[in-house]
């Protein structure tokens, strides 16, 4: 990857946060495809949750609420 295409540390941290969220959603019973679809559809909400300081666990609880 050229230097121009490298992601900054903040973006990489958000990606890792989403990966952890994906794993938690799968542990709660979602398929990998369902978890990834949720993240893709709700990326704006998830980005806000990340910057608001929610943990992946808290974001998963929010996603799994009734």
PDB file of N, CA and C in Angstrom:
ATOM      1  N   UNK A   1       0.859  -1.173   0.000  1.00  0.00           N
ATOM      2  CA  UNK A   1       0.000   0.000   0.000  1.00  0.00           C
ATOM      3  C   UNK A   1       0.902   1.232   0.000  1.00  0.00           C
ATOM      4  N   UNK A   2       0.640   2.120  -0.904  1.00  0.00           N
ATOM      5  CA  UNK A   2       1.470   3.318  -0.948  1.00  0.00           C
ATOM      6  C   UNK A   2       1.153   4.212   0.238  1.00  0.00           C
ATOM      7  N   UNK A   3       2.096   5.073   0.552  1.00  0.00           N
ATOM      8  CA  UNK A   3       1.908   5.966   1.704  1.00  0.00           C
ATOM      9  C   UNK A   3       0.621   6.768   1.560  1.00  0.00           C
ATOM     10  N   UNK A   4       0.288   7.154   0.336  1.00  0.00           N
ATOM     11  CA  UNK A   4      -0.912   7.938   0.072  1.00  0.00           C
ATOM     12  C   UNK A   4      -2.180   7.177   0.466  1.00  0.00           C
ATOM     13  N   UNK A   5      -2.161   5.856   0.380  1.00  0.00           N
ATOM     14  CA  UNK A   5      -3.344   5.049   0.658  1.00  0.00           C
ATOM     15  C   UNK A   5      -3.362   4.460   2.064  1.00  0.00           C
ATOM     16  N   UNK A   6      -2.384   4.775   2.890  1.00  0.00           N
ATOM     17  CA  UNK A   6      -2.352   4.242   4.240  1.00  0.00           C
ATOM     18  C   UNK A   6      -3.417   4.919   5.104  1.00  0.00           C
ATOM     19  N   UNK A   7      -3.993   4.116   5.988  1.00  0.00           N
ATOM     20  CA  UNK A   7      -5.008   4.648   6.896  1.00  0.00           C
ATOM     21  C   UNK A   7      -4.331   5.214   8.133  1.00  0.00           C
ATOM     22  N   UNK A   8      -4.906   6.298   8.663  1.00  0.00           N
ATOM     23  CA  UNK A   8      -4.337   6.891   9.867  1.00  0.00           C
ATOM     24  C   UNK A   8      -4.692   6.041  11.087  1.00  0.00           C
ATOM     25  N   UNK A   9      -4.015   6.314  12.185  1.00  0.00           N
ATOM     26  CA  UNK A   9      -4.194   5.527  13.410  1.00  0.00           C
ATOM     27  C   UNK A   9      -5.627   5.561  13.920  1.00  0.00           C
ATOM     28  N   UNK A  10      -6.272   6.695  13.802  1.00  0.00           N
ATOM     29  CA  UNK A  10      -7.648   6.832  14.294  1.00  0.00           C
ATOM     30  C   UNK A  10      -8.605   5.952  13.486  1.00  0.00           C
ATOM     31  N   UNK A  11      -8.418   5.945  12.173  1.00  0.00           N
ATOM     32  CA  UNK A  11      -9.254   5.105  11.314  1.00  0.00           C
ATOM     33  C   UNK A  11      -9.011   3.635  11.605  1.00  0.00           C
ATOM     34  N   UNK A  12      -7.751   3.264  11.797  1.00  0.00           N
ATOM     35  CA  UNK A  12      -7.423   1.874  12.118  1.00  0.00           C
ATOM     36  C   UNK A  12      -8.040   1.467  13.461  1.00  0.00           C
ATOM     37  N   UNK A  13      -8.058   2.368  14.417  1.00  0.00           N
ATOM     38  CA  UNK A  13      -8.659   2.068  15.724  1.00  0.00           C
ATOM     39  C   UNK A  13     -10.161   1.825  15.562  1.00  0.00           C
ATOM     40  N   UNK A  14     -10.824   2.615  14.740  1.00  0.00           N
ATOM     41  CA  UNK A  14     -12.255   2.434  14.489  1.00  0.00           C
ATOM     42  C   UNK A  14     -12.505   1.089  13.808  1.00  0.00           C
ATOM     43  N   UNK A  15     -11.673   0.727  12.855  1.00  0.00           N
ATOM     44  CA  UNK A  15     -11.820  -0.559  12.168  1.00  0.00           C
ATOM     45  C   UNK A  15     -11.682  -1.707  13.164  1.00  0.00           C
ATOM     46  N   UNK A  16     -10.689  -1.639  14.031  1.00  0.00           N
ATOM     47  CA  UNK A  16     -10.498  -2.696  15.028  1.00  0.00           C
ATOM     48  C   UNK A  16     -11.663  -2.754  16.008  1.00  0.00           C
ATOM     49  N   UNK A  17     -12.219  -1.601  16.352  1.00  0.00           N
ATOM     50  CA  UNK A  17     -13.394  -1.525  17.222  1.00  0.00           C
ATOM     51  C   UNK A  17     -14.568  -2.248  16.554  1.00  0.00           C
ATOM     52  N   UNK A  18     -14.748  -2.016  15.257  1.00  0.00           N
ATOM     53  CA  UNK A  18     -15.834  -2.664  14.511  1.00  0.00           C
ATOM     54  C   UNK A  18     -15.613  -4.170  14.401  1.00  0.00           C
ATOM     55  N   UNK A  19     -14.365  -4.594  14.251  1.00  0.00           N
ATOM     56  CA  UNK A  19     -14.066  -6.030  14.209  1.00  0.00           C
ATOM     57  C   UNK A  19     -14.438  -6.675  15.533  1.00  0.00           C
ATOM     58  N   UNK A  20     -14.106  -6.006  16.626  1.00  0.00           N
ATOM     59  CA  UNK A  20     -14.467  -6.537  17.945  1.00  0.00           C
ATOM     60  C   UNK A  20     -15.982  -6.587  18.098  1.00  0.00           C
ATOM     61  N   UNK A  21     -16.669  -5.564  17.633  1.00  0.00           N
ATOM     62  CA  UNK A  21     -18.137  -5.548  17.665  1.00  0.00           C
ATOM     63  C   UNK A  21     -18.691  -6.704  16.842  1.00  0.00           C
ATOM     64  N   UNK A  22     -18.153  -6.908  15.663  1.00  0.00           N
ATOM     65  CA  UNK A  22     -18.595  -8.017  14.805  1.00  0.00           C
ATOM     66  C   UNK A  22     -18.459  -9.350  15.542  1.00  0.00           C
ATOM     67  N   UNK A  23     -17.336  -9.570  16.173  1.00  0.00           N
ATOM     68  CA  UNK A  23     -17.123 -10.816  16.916  1.00  0.00           C
ATOM     69  C   UNK A  23     -18.132 -10.978  18.044  1.00  0.00           C
ATOM     70  N   UNK A  24     -18.438  -9.893  18.739  1.00  0.00           N
ATOM     71  CA  UNK A  24     -19.420  -9.953  19.827  1.00  0.00           C
ATOM     72  C   UNK A  24     -20.818 -10.257  19.303  1.00  0.00           C
ATOM     73  N   UNK A  25     -21.179  -9.675  18.173  1.00  0.00           N
ATOM     74  CA  UNK A  25     -22.488  -9.954  17.580  1.00  0.00           C
ATOM     75  C   UNK A  25     -22.585 -11.423  17.173  1.00  0.00           C
ATOM     76  N   UNK A  26     -21.486 -11.961  16.658  1.00  0.00           N
ATOM     77  CA  UNK A  26     -21.475 -13.384  16.285  1.00  0.00           C
ATOM     78  C   UNK A  26     -21.586 -14.275  17.516  1.00  0.00           C
ATOM     79  N   UNK A  27     -20.913 -13.908  18.586  1.00  0.00           N
ATOM     80  CA  UNK A  27     -21.014 -14.687  19.829  1.00  0.00           C
ATOM     81  C   UNK A  27     -22.435 -14.669  20.369  1.00  0.00           C
ATOM     82  N   UNK A  28     -23.166 -13.597  20.072  1.00  0.00           N
ATOM     83  CA  UNK A  28     -24.548 -13.477  20.544  1.00  0.00           C
ATOM     84  C   UNK A  28     -25.535 -14.191  19.628  1.00  0.00           C
ATOM     85  N   UNK A  29     -25.035 -14.776  18.525  1.00  0.00           N
ATOM     86  CA  UNK A  29     -25.921 -15.565  17.674  1.00  0.00           C
ATOM     87  C   UNK A  29     -26.078 -15.086  16.245  1.00  0.00           C
ATOM     88  N   UNK A  30     -25.552 -13.937  15.921  1.00  0.00           N
ATOM     89  CA  UNK A  30     -25.641 -13.455  14.543  1.00  0.00           C
ATOM     90  C   UNK A  30     -24.645 -14.228  13.678  1.00  0.00           C
ATOM     91  N   UNK A  31     -24.984 -14.398  12.409  1.00  0.00           N
ATOM     92  CA  UNK A  31     -24.002 -14.968  11.487  1.00  0.00           C
ATOM     93  C   UNK A  31     -22.986 -13.878  11.156  1.00  0.00           C
ATOM     94  N   UNK A  32     -21.851 -14.277  10.634  1.00  0.00           N
ATOM     95  CA  UNK A  32     -20.833 -13.299  10.242  1.00  0.00           C
ATOM     96  C   UNK A  32     -21.417 -12.327   9.209  1.00  0.00           C
ATOM     97  N   UNK A  33     -22.184 -12.853   8.252  1.00  0.00           N
ATOM     98  CA  UNK A  33     -22.801 -11.994   7.234  1.00  0.00           C
ATOM     99  C   UNK A  33     -23.778 -11.005   7.855  1.00  0.00           C
ATOM    100  N   UNK A  34     -24.582 -11.464   8.820  1.00  0.00           N
ATOM    101  CA  UNK A  34     -25.531 -10.568   9.492  1.00  0.00           C
ATOM    102  C   UNK A  34     -24.794  -9.471  10.248  1.00  0.00           C
ATOM    103  N   UNK A  35     -23.736  -9.840  10.944  1.00  0.00           N
ATOM    104  CA  UNK A  35     -22.969  -8.857  11.705  1.00  0.00           C
ATOM    105  C   UNK A  35     -22.332  -7.832  10.776  1.00  0.00           C
ATOM    106  N   UNK A  36     -21.761  -8.298   9.690  1.00  0.00           N
ATOM    107  CA  UNK A  36     -21.126  -7.381   8.741  1.00  0.00           C
ATOM    108  C   UNK A  36     -22.155  -6.475   8.072  1.00  0.00           C
ATOM    109  N   UNK A  37     -23.308  -7.027   7.745  1.00  0.00           N
ATOM    110  CA  UNK A  37     -24.368  -6.221   7.143  1.00  0.00           C
ATOM    111  C   UNK A  37     -24.830  -5.131   8.107  1.00  0.00           C
ATOM    112  N   UNK A  38     -25.000  -5.487   9.374  1.00  0.00           N
ATOM    113  CA  UNK A  38     -25.393  -4.495  10.378  1.00  0.00           C
ATOM    114  C   UNK A  38     -24.368  -3.364  10.439  1.00  0.00           C
ATOM    115  N   UNK A  39     -23.099  -3.735  10.491  1.00  0.00           N
ATOM    116  CA  UNK A  39     -22.039  -2.726  10.587  1.00  0.00           C
ATOM    117  C   UNK A  39     -22.043  -1.833   9.352  1.00  0.00           C
ATOM    118  N   UNK A  40     -22.191  -2.427   8.169  1.00  0.00           N
ATOM    119  CA  UNK A  40     -22.228  -1.633   6.939  1.00  0.00           C
ATOM    120  C   UNK A  40     -23.424  -0.675   6.921  1.00  0.00           C
ATOM    121  N   UNK A  41     -24.580  -1.168   7.338  1.00  0.00           N
ATOM    122  CA  UNK A  41     -25.793  -0.342   7.308  1.00  0.00           C
ATOM    123  C   UNK A  41     -25.797   0.741   8.378  1.00  0.00           C
ATOM    124  N   UNK A  42     -25.146   0.481   9.497  1.00  0.00           N
ATOM    125  CA  UNK A  42     -25.195   1.395  10.640  1.00  0.00           C
ATOM    126  C   UNK A  42     -23.855   2.087  10.912  1.00  0.00           C
ATOM    127  N   UNK A  43     -22.999   2.187   9.903  1.00  0.00           N
ATOM    128  CA  UNK A  43     -21.654   2.707  10.136  1.00  0.00           C
ATOM    129  C   UNK A  43     -21.665   4.133  10.699  1.00  0.00           C
ATOM    130  N   UNK A  44     -22.606   4.950  10.290  1.00  0.00           N
ATOM    131  CA  UNK A  44     -22.663   6.318  10.835  1.00  0.00           C
ATOM    132  C   UNK A  44     -22.985   6.286  12.327  1.00  0.00           C
ATOM    133  N   UNK A  45     -23.970   5.495  12.714  1.00  0.00           N
ATOM    134  CA  UNK A  45     -24.322   5.341  14.130  1.00  0.00           C
ATOM    135  C   UNK A  45     -23.138   4.773  14.904  1.00  0.00           C
ATOM    136  N   UNK A  46     -22.510   3.746  14.348  1.00  0.00           N
ATOM    137  CA  UNK A  46     -21.384   3.115  15.038  1.00  0.00           C
ATOM    138  C   UNK A  46     -20.204   4.058  15.186  1.00  0.00           C
ATOM    139  N   UNK A  47     -19.968   4.857  14.172  1.00  0.00           N
ATOM    140  CA  UNK A  47     -18.884   5.848  14.261  1.00  0.00           C
ATOM    141  C   UNK A  47     -19.180   6.837  15.377  1.00  0.00           C
ATOM    142  N   UNK A  48     -20.425   7.277  15.455  1.00  0.00           N
ATOM    143  CA  UNK A  48     -20.812   8.175  16.551  1.00  0.00           C
ATOM    144  C   UNK A  48     -20.619   7.494  17.903  1.00  0.00           C
ATOM    145  N   UNK A  49     -21.044   6.236  18.005  1.00  0.00           N
ATOM    146  CA  UNK A  49     -20.890   5.507  19.265  1.00  0.00           C
ATOM    147  C   UNK A  49     -19.411   5.376  19.633  1.00  0.00           C
ATOM    148  N   UNK A  50     -18.577   5.097  18.656  1.00  0.00           N
ATOM    149  CA  UNK A  50     -17.136   4.980  18.897  1.00  0.00           C
ATOM    150  C   UNK A  50     -16.578   6.293  19.443  1.00  0.00           C
ATOM    151  N   UNK A  51     -16.909   7.394  18.774  1.00  0.00           N
ATOM    152  CA  UNK A  51     -16.380   8.690  19.211  1.00  0.00           C
ATOM    153  C   UNK A  51     -17.024   9.184  20.502  1.00  0.00           C
ATOM    154  N   UNK A  52     -18.204   8.652  20.830  1.00  0.00           N
ATOM    155  CA  UNK A  52     -18.836   8.975  22.112  1.00  0.00           C
ATOM    156  C   UNK A  52     -18.246   8.156  23.252  1.00  0.00           C
ATOM    157  N   UNK A  53     -17.363   7.215  22.920  1.00  0.00           N
ATOM    158  CA  UNK A  53     -16.669   6.449  23.941  1.00  0.00           C
ATOM    159  C   UNK A  53     -17.298   5.123  24.312  1.00  0.00           C
ATOM    160  N   UNK A  54     -18.297   4.670  23.556  1.00  0.00           N
ATOM    161  CA  UNK A  54     -18.882   3.370  23.858  1.00  0.00           C
ATOM    162  C   UNK A  54     -17.865   2.280  23.570  1.00  0.00           C
ATOM    163  N   UNK A  55     -17.903   1.249  24.368  1.00  0.00           N
ATOM    164  CA  UNK A  55     -17.066   0.084  24.109  1.00  0.00           C
ATOM    165  C   UNK A  55     -17.770  -0.775  23.057  1.00  0.00           C
ATOM    166  N   UNK A  56     -17.051  -1.691  22.431  1.00  0.00           N
ATOM    167  CA  UNK A  56     -17.726  -2.615  21.509  1.00  0.00           C
ATOM    168  C   UNK A  56     -18.819  -3.414  22.210  1.00  0.00           C
ATOM    169  N   UNK A  57     -18.593  -3.740  23.482  1.00  0.00           N
ATOM    170  CA  UNK A  57     -19.603  -4.465  24.244  1.00  0.00           C
ATOM    171  C   UNK A  57     -20.884  -3.645  24.386  1.00  0.00           C
ATOM    172  N   UNK A  58     -20.743  -2.359  24.685  1.00  0.00           N
ATOM    173  CA  UNK A  58     -21.917  -1.486  24.813  1.00  0.00           C
ATOM    174  C   UNK A  58     -22.620  -1.318  23.471  1.00  0.00           C
ATOM    175  N   UNK A  59     -21.851  -1.209  22.404  1.00  0.00           N
ATOM    176  CA  UNK A  59     -22.445  -1.081  21.070  1.00  0.00           C
ATOM    177  C   UNK A  59     -23.180  -2.365  20.694  1.00  0.00           C
ATOM    178  N   UNK A  60     -22.634  -3.518  21.072  1.00  0.00           N
ATOM    179  CA  UNK A  60     -23.305  -4.792  20.796  1.00  0.00           C
ATOM    180  C   UNK A  60     -24.617  -4.883  21.573  1.00  0.00           C
ATOM    181  N   UNK A  61     -24.598  -4.469  22.839  1.00  0.00           N
ATOM    182  CA  UNK A  61     -25.825  -4.473  23.640  1.00  0.00           C
ATOM    183  C   UNK A  61     -26.882  -3.581  22.993  1.00  0.00           C
ATOM    184  N   UNK A  62     -26.457  -2.428  22.507  1.00  0.00           N
ATOM    185  CA  UNK A  62     -27.377  -1.518  21.818  1.00  0.00           C
ATOM    186  C   UNK A  62     -27.946  -2.180  20.570  1.00  0.00           C
ATOM    187  N   UNK A  63     -27.095  -2.851  19.811  1.00  0.00           N
ATOM    188  CA  UNK A  63     -27.531  -3.492  18.570  1.00  0.00           C
ATOM    189  C   UNK A  63     -28.492  -4.651  18.832  1.00  0.00           C
ATOM    190  N   UNK A  64     -28.325  -5.313  19.965  1.00  0.00           N
ATOM    191  CA  UNK A  64     -29.125  -6.506  20.266  1.00  0.00           C
ATOM    192  C   UNK A  64     -30.377  -6.214  21.097  1.00  0.00           C
ATOM    193  N   UNK A  65     -30.597  -4.939  21.396  1.00  0.00           N
ATOM    194  CA  UNK A  65     -31.761  -4.593  22.215  1.00  0.00           C
ATOM    195  C   UNK A  65     -33.046  -4.950  21.455  1.00  0.00           C
ATOM    196  N   UNK A  66     -34.090  -5.161  22.182  1.00  0.00           N
ATOM    197  CA  UNK A  66     -35.388  -5.507  21.571  1.00  0.00           C
ATOM    198  C   UNK A  66     -36.113  -4.304  21.080  1.00  0.00           C
TER     199      UNK A  66
END
